[in-house]
C-alpha atoms as a PDB file:
ATOM      1  CA  UNK A   1      65.653  55.011 -78.085  1.00  0.00           C
ATOM      2  CA  UNK A   2      66.438  52.798 -75.200  1.00  0.00           C
ATOM      3  CA  UNK A   3      64.883  53.594 -71.850  1.00  0.00           C
ATOM      4  CA  UNK A   4      61.979  55.649 -73.240  1.00  0.00           C
ATOM      5  CA  UNK A   5      58.395  54.488 -73.265  1.00  0.00           C
ATOM      6  CA  UNK A   6      55.496  55.544 -75.384  1.00  0.00           C
ATOM      7  CA  UNK A   7      52.471  57.168 -73.811  1.00  0.00           C
ATOM      8  CA  UNK A   8      50.499  53.959 -74.267  1.00  0.00           C
ATOM      9  CA  UNK A   9      53.077  51.889 -72.358  1.00  0.00           C
ATOM     10  CA  UNK A  10      53.303  54.525 -69.620  1.00  0.00           C
ATOM     11  CA  UNK A  11      49.526  54.451 -69.154  1.00  0.00           C
ATOM     12  CA  UNK A  12      49.560  50.705 -68.770  1.00  0.00           C
ATOM     13  CA  UNK A  13      52.324  50.918 -66.181  1.00  0.00           C
ATOM     14  CA  UNK A  14      50.748  53.829 -64.336  1.00  0.00           C
ATOM     15  CA  UNK A  15      47.204  52.403 -64.228  1.00  0.00           C
ATOM     16  CA  UNK A  16      47.502  48.606 -64.344  1.00  0.00           C
ATOM     17  CA  UNK A  17      43.976  48.003 -63.063  1.00  0.00           C
ATOM     18  CA  UNK A  18      42.308  50.257 -65.632  1.00  0.00           C
ATOM     19  CA  UNK A  19      40.361  48.441 -68.329  1.00  0.00           C
ATOM     20  CA  UNK A  20      41.439  48.425 -71.946  1.00  0.00           C
ATOM     21  CA  UNK A  21      40.256  51.660 -73.662  1.00  0.00           C
ATOM     22  CA  UNK A  22      39.015  49.612 -76.620  1.00  0.00           C
ATOM     23  CA  UNK A  23      36.749  47.592 -74.341  1.00  0.00           C
ATOM     24  CA  UNK A  24      34.755  50.692 -73.378  1.00  0.00           C
ATOM     25  CA  UNK A  25      33.398  51.222 -76.886  1.00  0.00           C
ATOM     26  CA  UNK A  26      29.994  49.831 -77.730  1.00  0.00           C
ATOM     27  CA  UNK A  27      30.165  46.229 -78.889  1.00  0.00           C
ATOM     28  CA  UNK A  28      29.753  45.757 -82.641  1.00  0.00           C
ATOM     29  CA  UNK A  29      26.173  45.396 -83.779  1.00  0.00           C
ATOM     30  CA  UNK A  30      25.022  43.444 -86.814  1.00  0.00           C
ATOM     31  CA  UNK A  31      24.036  45.621 -89.751  1.00  0.00           C
ATOM     32  CA  UNK A  32      21.291  44.554 -92.101  1.00  0.00           C
ATOM     33  CA  UNK A  33      21.573  45.333 -95.803  1.00  0.00           C
ATOM     34  CA  UNK A  34      18.445  45.440 -97.887  1.00  0.00           C
ATOM     35  CA  UNK A  35      18.598  44.911-101.641  1.00  0.00           C
ATOM     36  CA  UNK A  36      15.571  45.652-103.763  1.00  0.00           C
ATOM     37  CA  UNK A  37      15.330  44.399-107.318  1.00  0.00           C
ATOM     38  CA  UNK A  38      12.653  45.141-109.921  1.00  0.00           C
ATOM     39  CA  UNK A  39      11.653  43.460-113.187  1.00  0.00           C
ATOM     40  CA  UNK A  40      13.076  45.000-116.365  1.00  0.00           C
ATOM     41  CA  UNK A  41       9.802  46.673-117.374  1.00  0.00           C
ATOM     42  CA  UNK A  42       9.691  48.584-114.086  1.00  0.00           C
ATOM     43  CA  UNK A  43      13.404  49.426-114.407  1.00  0.00           C
ATOM     44  CA  UNK A  44      12.712  50.968-117.815  1.00  0.00           C
ATOM     45  CA  UNK A  45       9.789  52.919-116.340  1.00  0.00           C
ATOM     46  CA  UNK A  46      11.997  54.213-113.507  1.00  0.00           C
ATOM     47  CA  UNK A  47      14.734  55.170-115.982  1.00  0.00           C
ATOM     48  CA  UNK A  48      12.305  57.181-118.112  1.00  0.00           C
ATOM     49  CA  UNK A  49      10.378  58.737-115.199  1.00  0.00           C
ATOM     50  CA  UNK A  50      12.668  59.466-112.223  1.00  0.00           C
ATOM     51  CA  UNK A  51       9.787  60.996-110.244  1.00  0.00           C
ATOM     52  CA  UNK A  52       8.059  57.597-110.186  1.00  0.00           C
ATOM     53  CA  UNK A  53      11.259  55.947-108.975  1.00  0.00           C
ATOM     54  CA  UNK A  54      11.546  58.549-106.211  1.00  0.00           C
ATOM     55  CA  UNK A  55       8.018  57.832-105.010  1.00  0.00           C
ATOM     56  CA  UNK A  56       8.604  54.069-105.012  1.00  0.00           C
ATOM     57  CA  UNK A  57      11.878  54.455-103.087  1.00  0.00           C
ATOM     58  CA  UNK A  58      10.075  56.676-100.566  1.00  0.00           C
ATOM     59  CA  UNK A  59       7.457  53.980 -99.995  1.00  0.00           C
ATOM     60  CA  UNK A  60      10.120  51.282 -99.627  1.00  0.00           C
ATOM     61  CA  UNK A  61      12.168  53.418 -97.216  1.00  0.00           C
ATOM     62  CA  UNK A  62       9.157  54.220 -95.025  1.00  0.00           C
ATOM     63  CA  UNK A  63       8.171  50.546 -94.943  1.00  0.00           C
ATOM     64  CA  UNK A  64      11.643  49.366 -93.891  1.00  0.00           C
ATOM     65  CA  UNK A  65      12.078  52.220 -91.385  1.00  0.00           C
ATOM     66  CA  UNK A  66       8.711  51.438 -89.779  1.00  0.00           C
ATOM     67  CA  UNK A  67       9.589  47.743 -89.597  1.00  0.00           C
ATOM     68  CA  UNK A  68      12.928  48.489 -87.914  1.00  0.00           C
ATOM     69  CA  UNK A  69      11.340  50.961 -85.477  1.00  0.00           C
ATOM     70  CA  UNK A  70       8.702  48.439 -84.418  1.00  0.00           C
ATOM     71  CA  UNK A  71      11.314  45.688 -84.146  1.00  0.00           C
ATOM     72  CA  UNK A  72      13.364  47.935 -81.850  1.00  0.00           C
ATOM     73  CA  UNK A  73      10.343  48.675 -79.673  1.00  0.00           C
ATOM     74  CA  UNK A  74       9.957  52.330 -80.709  1.00  0.00           C
ATOM     75  CA  UNK A  75       7.052  54.265 -82.108  1.00  0.00           C
ATOM     76  CA  UNK A  76       7.837  55.497 -85.621  1.00  0.00           C
ATOM     77  CA  UNK A  77       7.933  59.229 -84.670  1.00  0.00           C
ATOM     78  CA  UNK A  78      10.452  58.479 -81.869  1.00  0.00           C
ATOM     79  CA  UNK A  79      12.819  56.367 -83.995  1.00  0.00           C
ATOM     80  CA  UNK A  80      15.610  57.824 -86.097  1.00  0.00           C
ATOM     81  CA  UNK A  81      16.551  55.707 -89.074  1.00  0.00           C
ATOM     82  CA  UNK A  82      18.817  56.406 -92.029  1.00  0.00           C
ATOM     83  CA  UNK A  83      19.574  54.964 -95.423  1.00  0.00           C
ATOM     84  CA  UNK A  84      21.994  55.156 -98.308  1.00  0.00           C
ATOM     85  CA  UNK A  85      20.527  54.493-101.743  1.00  0.00           C
ATOM     86  CA  UNK A  86      22.613  53.608-104.771  1.00  0.00           C
ATOM     87  CA  UNK A  87      20.901  53.314-108.105  1.00  0.00           C
END
């Protein structure tokens, strides 16, 4: 309809010196993706013994998490890291 404004337009008119709400969010940070590949013989071992694969993935996760914590300047117990694993 003519003569009506949306809430967004009204805010801009009411508070012209206020910064853009999108500018207040944290700036985008680069995200590192790690891909781990194994030879076929180890893949067959992991397929037949999932417990072994779980232990290997635990070692790999701890290694990468420790590396990232040290790179960020944190002690490992203070850092909080996360991972998504697709097999």
